[in-house]
Structures are given as structure tokens and as C-alpha cells.
Amino acid sequence: MQDFIFKKKALKFLKKQSKIDQDRLITAIYRIPKGDIKNMADYDNLKRLRVGKYRILFTEMDEGIEILNIGSRGDIYK
């Protein structure tokens, strides 16, 4: 099993969500290799995971997976 490192911005967004959405997002994060993942254009090693109306931006490192940001579809890329 891989380790997950959450950035402060990602944790802050996660804590603001309802319990149901928190569970959906956390479950999707632990299943990252099986999710709807795409590489981000113009960024090396930056990937995004789609979870309904939410997007999770992350990178894969030697230490594990670093969750950089979580947000709604329209706001995450700004």
C-alpha cells in the first residue's frame, strides 16, 4: 500500500465537505490506480483524478502519492 501525503489546501477543502462527499473523495484517493486518471498537459508528473463533480490533483513520488489540491470541477484549475 502506498503512503498518501496531503497538502494543507487539500485537507482544508476536504474538511469543508459533507460526510458523504468526504467518504467518496477519500475512497477514490485510496483507489487512485484504478480511477479516472489523466496526465495534466504542460506539467510533468501532475495528474488529476475525476470523482463526480470534484477533481483531485496529485503527483506520484518515491515516498508515495502527494495530494496537492481537491476542488470542484470549475474551480480547481484556476
PDB file of N, CA and C in Angstrom:
ATOM      1  N   MET A   1       0.840  -1.185   0.000  1.00  0.00           N
ATOM      2  CA  MET A   1       0.000   0.000   0.000  1.00  0.00           C
ATOM      3  C   MET A   1       0.884   1.246   0.000  1.00  0.00           C
ATOM      4  N   GLN A   2       0.471   2.234  -0.746  1.00  0.00           N
ATOM      5  CA  GLN A   2       1.239   3.468  -0.845  1.00  0.00           C
ATOM      6  C   GLN A   2       0.860   4.439   0.263  1.00  0.00           C
ATOM      7  N   ASP A   3       1.808   5.311   0.591  1.00  0.00           N
ATOM      8  CA  ASP A   3       1.535   6.376   1.553  1.00  0.00           C
ATOM      9  C   ASP A   3       0.928   7.559   0.816  1.00  0.00           C
ATOM     10  N   PHE A   4       0.061   8.296   1.499  1.00  0.00           N
ATOM     11  CA  PHE A   4      -0.570   9.480   0.934  1.00  0.00           C
ATOM     12  C   PHE A   4      -0.168  10.682   1.766  1.00  0.00           C
ATOM     13  N   ILE A   5       0.287  11.716   1.085  1.00  0.00           N
ATOM     14  CA  ILE A   5       0.697  12.954   1.736  1.00  0.00           C
ATOM     15  C   ILE A   5      -0.270  14.038   1.280  1.00  0.00           C
ATOM     16  N   PHE A   6      -0.996  14.629   2.224  1.00  0.00           N
ATOM     17  CA  PHE A   6      -1.989  15.647   1.894  1.00  0.00           C
ATOM     18  C   PHE A   6      -1.421  17.036   2.150  1.00  0.00           C
ATOM     19  N   LYS A   7      -1.518  17.907   1.153  1.00  0.00           N
ATOM     20  CA  LYS A   7      -1.159  19.311   1.341  1.00  0.00           C
ATOM     21  C   LYS A   7      -2.263  19.989   2.151  1.00  0.00           C
ATOM     22  N   LYS A   8      -1.918  21.085   2.801  1.00  0.00           N
ATOM     23  CA  LYS A   8      -2.850  21.813   3.661  1.00  0.00           C
ATOM     24  C   LYS A   8      -4.108  22.248   2.899  1.00  0.00           C
ATOM     25  N   LYS A   9      -3.935  22.700   1.672  1.00  0.00           N
ATOM     26  CA  LYS A   9      -5.059  23.165   0.853  1.00  0.00           C
ATOM     27  C   LYS A   9      -6.056  22.034   0.577  1.00  0.00           C
ATOM     28  N   ALA A  10      -5.548  20.844   0.318  1.00  0.00           N
ATOM     29  CA  ALA A  10      -6.405  19.692   0.051  1.00  0.00           C
ATOM     30  C   ALA A  10      -7.182  19.290   1.305  1.00  0.00           C
ATOM     31  N   LEU A  11      -6.509  19.270   2.451  1.00  0.00           N
ATOM     32  CA  LEU A  11      -7.186  18.913   3.704  1.00  0.00           C
ATOM     33  C   LEU A  11      -8.259  19.932   4.069  1.00  0.00           C
ATOM     34  N   LYS A  12      -7.970  21.200   3.839  1.00  0.00           N
ATOM     35  CA  LYS A  12      -8.931  22.255   4.152  1.00  0.00           C
ATOM     36  C   LYS A  12     -10.208  22.074   3.337  1.00  0.00           C
ATOM     37  N   PHE A  13     -10.072  21.793   2.038  1.00  0.00           N
ATOM     38  CA  PHE A  13     -11.244  21.572   1.199  1.00  0.00           C
ATOM     39  C   PHE A  13     -12.006  20.338   1.661  1.00  0.00           C
ATOM     40  N   LEU A  14     -11.291  19.280   1.967  1.00  0.00           N
ATOM     41  CA  LEU A  14     -11.913  18.023   2.375  1.00  0.00           C
ATOM     42  C   LEU A  14     -12.725  18.190   3.654  1.00  0.00           C
ATOM     43  N   LYS A  15     -12.206  18.943   4.613  1.00  0.00           N
ATOM     44  CA  LYS A  15     -12.900  19.142   5.888  1.00  0.00           C
ATOM     45  C   LYS A  15     -14.180  19.953   5.744  1.00  0.00           C
ATOM     46  N   LYS A  16     -14.280  20.773   4.702  1.00  0.00           N
ATOM     47  CA  LYS A  16     -15.466  21.606   4.491  1.00  0.00           C
ATOM     48  C   LYS A  16     -16.624  20.842   3.849  1.00  0.00           C
ATOM     49  N   GLN A  17     -16.357  19.661   3.338  1.00  0.00           N
ATOM     50  CA  GLN A  17     -17.374  18.901   2.618  1.00  0.00           C
ATOM     51  C   GLN A  17     -18.257  18.094   3.569  1.00  0.00           C
ATOM     52  N   SER A  18     -19.412  17.685   3.047  1.00  0.00           N
ATOM     53  CA  SER A  18     -20.317  16.847   3.838  1.00  0.00           C
ATOM     54  C   SER A  18     -19.662  15.489   4.071  1.00  0.00           C
ATOM     55  N   LYS A  19     -20.141  14.768   5.045  1.00  0.00           N
ATOM     56  CA  LYS A  19     -19.587  13.455   5.385  1.00  0.00           C
ATOM     57  C   LYS A  19     -19.661  12.503   4.186  1.00  0.00           C
ATOM     58  N   ILE A  20     -20.742  12.568   3.438  1.00  0.00           N
ATOM     59  CA  ILE A  20     -20.907  11.691   2.270  1.00  0.00           C
ATOM     60  C   ILE A  20     -19.848  12.000   1.214  1.00  0.00           C
ATOM     61  N   ASP A  21     -19.652  13.294   0.927  1.00  0.00           N
ATOM     62  CA  ASP A  21     -18.639  13.675  -0.061  1.00  0.00           C
ATOM     63  C   ASP A  21     -17.231  13.364   0.433  1.00  0.00           C
ATOM     64  N   GLN A  22     -16.988  13.553   1.721  1.00  0.00           N
ATOM     65  CA  GLN A  22     -15.678  13.204   2.282  1.00  0.00           C
ATOM     66  C   GLN A  22     -15.386  11.726   2.065  1.00  0.00           C
ATOM     67  N   ASP A  23     -16.367  10.883   2.351  1.00  0.00           N
ATOM     68  CA  ASP A  23     -16.179   9.440   2.179  1.00  0.00           C
ATOM     69  C   ASP A  23     -15.910   9.086   0.718  1.00  0.00           C
ATOM     70  N   ARG A  24     -16.662   9.701  -0.213  1.00  0.00           N
ATOM     71  CA  ARG A  24     -16.459   9.445  -1.646  1.00  0.00           C
ATOM     72  C   ARG A  24     -15.056   9.834  -2.084  1.00  0.00           C
ATOM     73  N   LEU A  25     -14.614  11.015  -1.659  1.00  0.00           N
ATOM     74  CA  LEU A  25     -13.299  11.506  -2.063  1.00  0.00           C
ATOM     75  C   LEU A  25     -12.171  10.665  -1.468  1.00  0.00           C
ATOM     76  N   ILE A  26     -12.285  10.327  -0.200  1.00  0.00           N
ATOM     77  CA  ILE A  26     -11.245   9.522   0.452  1.00  0.00           C
ATOM     78  C   ILE A  26     -11.176   8.125  -0.158  1.00  0.00           C
ATOM     79  N   THR A  27     -12.329   7.532  -0.433  1.00  0.00           N
ATOM     80  CA  THR A  27     -12.355   6.218  -1.077  1.00  0.00           C
ATOM     81  C   THR A  27     -11.685   6.282  -2.443  1.00  0.00           C
ATOM     82  N   ALA A  28     -11.972   7.328  -3.207  1.00  0.00           N
ATOM     83  CA  ALA A  28     -11.366   7.482  -4.534  1.00  0.00           C
ATOM     84  C   ALA A  28      -9.856   7.661  -4.433  1.00  0.00           C
ATOM     85  N   ILE A  29      -9.403   8.393  -3.426  1.00  0.00           N
ATOM     86  CA  ILE A  29      -7.963   8.605  -3.251  1.00  0.00           C
ATOM     87  C   ILE A  29      -7.259   7.279  -2.973  1.00  0.00           C
ATOM     88  N   TYR A  30      -7.827   6.449  -2.128  1.00  0.00           N
ATOM     89  CA  TYR A  30      -7.195   5.165  -1.822  1.00  0.00           C
ATOM     90  C   TYR A  30      -7.238   4.198  -2.999  1.00  0.00           C
ATOM     91  N   ARG A  31      -8.111   4.465  -3.958  1.00  0.00           N
ATOM     92  CA  ARG A  31      -8.193   3.625  -5.158  1.00  0.00           C
ATOM     93  C   ARG A  31      -7.570   4.310  -6.370  1.00  0.00           C
ATOM     94  N   ILE A  32      -6.653   5.231  -6.166  1.00  0.00           N
ATOM     95  CA  ILE A  32      -6.095   6.041  -7.257  1.00  0.00           C
ATOM     96  C   ILE A  32      -5.641   5.217  -8.467  1.00  0.00           C
ATOM     97  N   PRO A  33      -4.953   4.118  -8.323  1.00  0.00           N
ATOM     98  CA  PRO A  33      -4.519   3.416  -9.538  1.00  0.00           C
ATOM     99  C   PRO A  33      -5.666   2.939 -10.429  1.00  0.00           C
ATOM    100  N   LYS A  34      -6.873   2.786  -9.876  1.00  0.00           N
ATOM    101  CA  LYS A  34      -7.999   2.261 -10.641  1.00  0.00           C
ATOM    102  C   LYS A  34      -8.961   3.353 -11.109  1.00  0.00           C
ATOM    103  N   GLY A  35      -8.682   4.607 -10.796  1.00  0.00           N
ATOM    104  CA  GLY A  35      -9.623   5.687 -11.073  1.00  0.00           C
ATOM    105  C   GLY A  35      -9.497   6.270 -12.470  1.00  0.00           C
ATOM    106  N   ASP A  36     -10.327   7.276 -12.736  1.00  0.00           N
ATOM    107  CA  ASP A  36     -10.323   8.013 -13.997  1.00  0.00           C
ATOM    108  C   ASP A  36      -9.211   9.058 -13.923  1.00  0.00           C
ATOM    109  N   ILE A  37      -8.008   8.664 -14.312  1.00  0.00           N
ATOM    110  CA  ILE A  37      -6.817   9.498 -14.149  1.00  0.00           C
ATOM    111  C   ILE A  37      -6.326   9.973 -15.508  1.00  0.00           C
ATOM    112  N   LYS A  38      -5.952  11.240 -15.561  1.00  0.00           N
ATOM    113  CA  LYS A  38      -5.349  11.798 -16.770  1.00  0.00           C
ATOM    114  C   LYS A  38      -4.129  12.614 -16.374  1.00  0.00           C
ATOM    115  N   ASN A  39      -3.131  12.609 -17.247  1.00  0.00           N
ATOM    116  CA  ASN A  39      -1.966  13.466 -17.046  1.00  0.00           C
ATOM    117  C   ASN A  39      -2.353  14.888 -17.419  1.00  0.00           C
ATOM    118  N   MET A  40      -1.854  15.855 -16.668  1.00  0.00           N
ATOM    119  CA  MET A  40      -2.138  17.255 -16.950  1.00  0.00           C
ATOM    120  C   MET A  40      -1.164  17.757 -18.013  1.00  0.00           C
ATOM    121  N   ALA A  41      -1.697  18.405 -19.034  1.00  0.00           N
ATOM    122  CA  ALA A  41      -0.862  18.941 -20.109  1.00  0.00           C
ATOM    123  C   ALA A  41       0.040  20.040 -19.559  1.00  0.00           C
ATOM    124  N   ASP A  42       1.231  20.135 -20.088  1.00  0.00           N
ATOM    125  CA  ASP A  42       2.215  21.166 -19.729  1.00  0.00           C
ATOM    126  C   ASP A  42       2.788  21.028 -18.324  1.00  0.00           C
ATOM    127  N   TYR A  43       2.474  19.975 -17.606  1.00  0.00           N
ATOM    128  CA  TYR A  43       3.025  19.772 -16.264  1.00  0.00           C
ATOM    129  C   TYR A  43       3.612  18.370 -16.186  1.00  0.00           C
ATOM    130  N   ASP A  44       4.848  18.289 -15.767  1.00  0.00           N
ATOM    131  CA  ASP A  44       5.476  16.982 -15.598  1.00  0.00           C
ATOM    132  C   ASP A  44       4.986  16.344 -14.308  1.00  0.00           C
ATOM    133  N   ASN A  45       4.559  15.109 -14.395  1.00  0.00           N
ATOM    134  CA  ASN A  45       4.199  14.302 -13.231  1.00  0.00           C
ATOM    135  C   ASN A  45       2.960  14.792 -12.482  1.00  0.00           C
ATOM    136  N   LEU A  46       2.194  15.726 -13.021  1.00  0.00           N
ATOM    137  CA  LEU A  46       0.959  16.181 -12.380  1.00  0.00           C
ATOM    138  C   LEU A  46      -0.208  15.448 -13.024  1.00  0.00           C
ATOM    139  N   LYS A  47      -1.044  14.852 -12.180  1.00  0.00           N
ATOM    140  CA  LYS A  47      -2.180  14.071 -12.673  1.00  0.00           C
ATOM    141  C   LYS A  47      -3.446  14.534 -11.989  1.00  0.00           C
ATOM    142  N   ARG A  48      -4.581  14.201 -12.601  1.00  0.00           N
ATOM    143  CA  ARG A  48      -5.852  14.530 -11.978  1.00  0.00           C
ATOM    144  C   ARG A  48      -6.744  13.300 -11.957  1.00  0.00           C
ATOM    145  N   LEU A  49      -7.508  13.210 -10.895  1.00  0.00           N
ATOM    146  CA  LEU A  49      -8.471  12.131 -10.705  1.00  0.00           C
ATOM    147  C   LEU A  49      -9.851  12.752 -10.679  1.00  0.00           C
ATOM    148  N   ARG A  50     -10.765  12.223 -11.480  1.00  0.00           N
ATOM    149  CA  ARG A  50     -12.135  12.729 -11.530  1.00  0.00           C
ATOM    150  C   ARG A  50     -12.999  11.905 -10.591  1.00  0.00           C
ATOM    151  N   VAL A  51     -13.726  12.608  -9.707  1.00  0.00           N
ATOM    152  CA  VAL A  51     -14.659  11.958  -8.784  1.00  0.00           C
ATOM    153  C   VAL A  51     -15.956  12.757  -8.842  1.00  0.00           C
ATOM    154  N   GLY A  52     -16.849  12.383  -9.750  1.00  0.00           N
ATOM    155  CA  GLY A  52     -18.092  13.130  -9.918  1.00  0.00           C
ATOM    156  C   GLY A  52     -17.801  14.558 -10.327  1.00  0.00           C
ATOM    157  N   LYS A  53     -18.302  15.517  -9.549  1.00  0.00           N
ATOM    158  CA  LYS A  53     -18.081  16.933  -9.871  1.00  0.00           C
ATOM    159  C   LYS A  53     -16.781  17.470  -9.272  1.00  0.00           C
ATOM    160  N   TYR A  54     -16.017  16.627  -8.619  1.00  0.00           N
ATOM    161  CA  TYR A  54     -14.766  17.039  -7.984  1.00  0.00           C
ATOM    162  C   TYR A  54     -13.561  16.541  -8.775  1.00  0.00           C
ATOM    163  N   ARG A  55     -12.432  17.249  -8.598  1.00  0.00           N
ATOM    164  CA  ARG A  55     -11.164  16.846  -9.194  1.00  0.00           C
ATOM    165  C   ARG A  55     -10.105  16.828  -8.101  1.00  0.00           C
ATOM    166  N   ILE A  56      -9.237  15.842  -8.161  1.00  0.00           N
ATOM    167  CA  ILE A  56      -8.139  15.709  -7.211  1.00  0.00           C
ATOM    168  C   ILE A  56      -6.846  15.796  -8.008  1.00  0.00           C
ATOM    169  N   LEU A  57      -6.014  16.780  -7.689  1.00  0.00           N
ATOM    170  CA  LEU A  57      -4.720  16.933  -8.346  1.00  0.00           C
ATOM    171  C   LEU A  57      -3.651  16.296  -7.466  1.00  0.00           C
ATOM    172  N   PHE A  58      -2.797  15.468  -8.071  1.00  0.00           N
ATOM    173  CA  PHE A  58      -1.788  14.762  -7.286  1.00  0.00           C
ATOM    174  C   PHE A  58      -0.549  14.478  -8.115  1.00  0.00           C
ATOM    175  N   THR A  59       0.518  14.147  -7.425  1.00  0.00           N
ATOM    176  CA  THR A  59       1.753  13.695  -8.063  1.00  0.00           C
ATOM    177  C   THR A  59       2.176  12.387  -7.411  1.00  0.00           C
ATOM    178  N   GLU A  60       2.853  11.571  -8.181  1.00  0.00           N
ATOM    179  CA  GLU A  60       3.395  10.321  -7.652  1.00  0.00           C
ATOM    180  C   GLU A  60       4.884  10.517  -7.394  1.00  0.00           C
ATOM    181  N   MET A  61       5.295  10.224  -6.172  1.00  0.00           N
ATOM    182  CA  MET A  61       6.695  10.381  -5.780  1.00  0.00           C
ATOM    183  C   MET A  61       7.199   9.055  -5.234  1.00  0.00           C
ATOM    184  N   ASP A  62       8.482   8.997  -4.947  1.00  0.00           N
ATOM    185  CA  ASP A  62       9.064   7.782  -4.370  1.00  0.00           C
ATOM    186  C   ASP A  62       8.474   7.482  -2.996  1.00  0.00           C
ATOM    187  N   GLU A  63       8.180   8.534  -2.228  1.00  0.00           N
ATOM    188  CA  GLU A  63       7.655   8.367  -0.867  1.00  0.00           C
ATOM    189  C   GLU A  63       6.182   7.973  -0.853  1.00  0.00           C
ATOM    190  N   GLY A  64       5.487   8.199  -1.950  1.00  0.00           N
ATOM    191  CA  GLY A  64       4.064   7.898  -2.021  1.00  0.00           C
ATOM    192  C   GLY A  64       3.368   8.864  -2.961  1.00  0.00           C
ATOM    193  N   ILE A  65       2.091   9.057  -2.742  1.00  0.00           N
ATOM    194  CA  ILE A  65       1.287   9.946  -3.575  1.00  0.00           C
ATOM    195  C   ILE A  65       1.000  11.215  -2.794  1.00  0.00           C
ATOM    196  N   GLU A  66       1.317  12.354  -3.402  1.00  0.00           N
ATOM    197  CA  GLU A  66       1.097  13.644  -2.756  1.00  0.00           C
ATOM    198  C   GLU A  66      -0.170  14.275  -3.332  1.00  0.00           C
ATOM    199  N   ILE A  67      -1.171  14.465  -2.483  1.00  0.00           N
ATOM    200  CA  ILE A  67      -2.430  15.091  -2.878  1.00  0.00           C
ATOM    201  C   ILE A  67      -2.235  16.597  -2.762  1.00  0.00           C
ATOM    202  N   LEU A  68      -2.194  17.278  -3.899  1.00  0.00           N
ATOM    203  CA  LEU A  68      -1.892  18.704  -3.919  1.00  0.00           C
ATOM    204  C   LEU A  68      -3.118  19.568  -3.669  1.00  0.00           C
ATOM    205  N   ASN A  69      -4.232  19.219  -4.306  1.00  0.00           N
ATOM    206  CA  ASN A  69      -5.423  20.049  -4.195  1.00  0.00           C
ATOM    207  C   ASN A  69      -6.650  19.215  -4.528  1.00  0.00           C
ATOM    208  N   ILE A  70      -7.767  19.583  -3.930  1.00  0.00           N
ATOM    209  CA  ILE A  70      -9.062  18.977  -4.216  1.00  0.00           C
ATOM    210  C   ILE A  70     -10.024  20.131  -4.407  1.00  0.00           C
ATOM    211  N   GLY A  71     -10.876  20.043  -5.419  1.00  0.00           N
ATOM    212  CA  GLY A  71     -11.827  21.125  -5.635  1.00  0.00           C
ATOM    213  C   GLY A  71     -12.903  20.735  -6.624  1.00  0.00           C
ATOM    214  N   SER A  72     -13.869  21.628  -6.784  1.00  0.00           N
ATOM    215  CA  SER A  72     -14.932  21.370  -7.747  1.00  0.00           C
ATOM    216  C   SER A  72     -14.387  21.570  -9.155  1.00  0.00           C
ATOM    217  N   ARG A  73     -15.038  20.994 -10.101  1.00  0.00           N
ATOM    218  CA  ARG A  73     -14.559  20.944 -11.482  1.00  0.00           C
ATOM    219  C   ARG A  73     -14.221  22.320 -12.044  1.00  0.00           C
ATOM    220  N   GLY A  74     -15.031  23.316 -11.771  1.00  0.00           N
ATOM    221  CA  GLY A  74     -14.811  24.635 -12.343  1.00  0.00           C
ATOM    222  C   GLY A  74     -13.745  25.454 -11.650  1.00  0.00           C
ATOM    223  N   ASP A  75     -13.443  25.145 -10.401  1.00  0.00           N
ATOM    224  CA  ASP A  75     -12.532  25.980  -9.615  1.00  0.00           C
ATOM    225  C   ASP A  75     -11.123  25.420  -9.473  1.00  0.00           C
ATOM    226  N   ILE A  76     -10.943  24.152  -9.690  1.00  0.00           N
ATOM    227  CA  ILE A  76      -9.672  23.502  -9.370  1.00  0.00           C
ATOM    228  C   ILE A  76      -8.525  23.958 -10.265  1.00  0.00           C
ATOM    229  N   TYR A  77      -8.807  24.322 -11.494  1.00  0.00           N
ATOM    230  CA  TYR A  77      -7.740  24.634 -12.443  1.00  0.00           C
ATOM    231  C   TYR A  77      -7.322  26.098 -12.422  1.00  0.00           C
ATOM    232  N   LYS A  78      -7.932  26.900 -11.581  1.00  0.00           N
ATOM    233  CA  LYS A  78      -7.617  28.338 -11.536  1.00  0.00           C
ATOM    234  C   LYS A  78      -6.366  28.595 -10.741  1.00  0.00           C
TER     235      LYS A  78
END
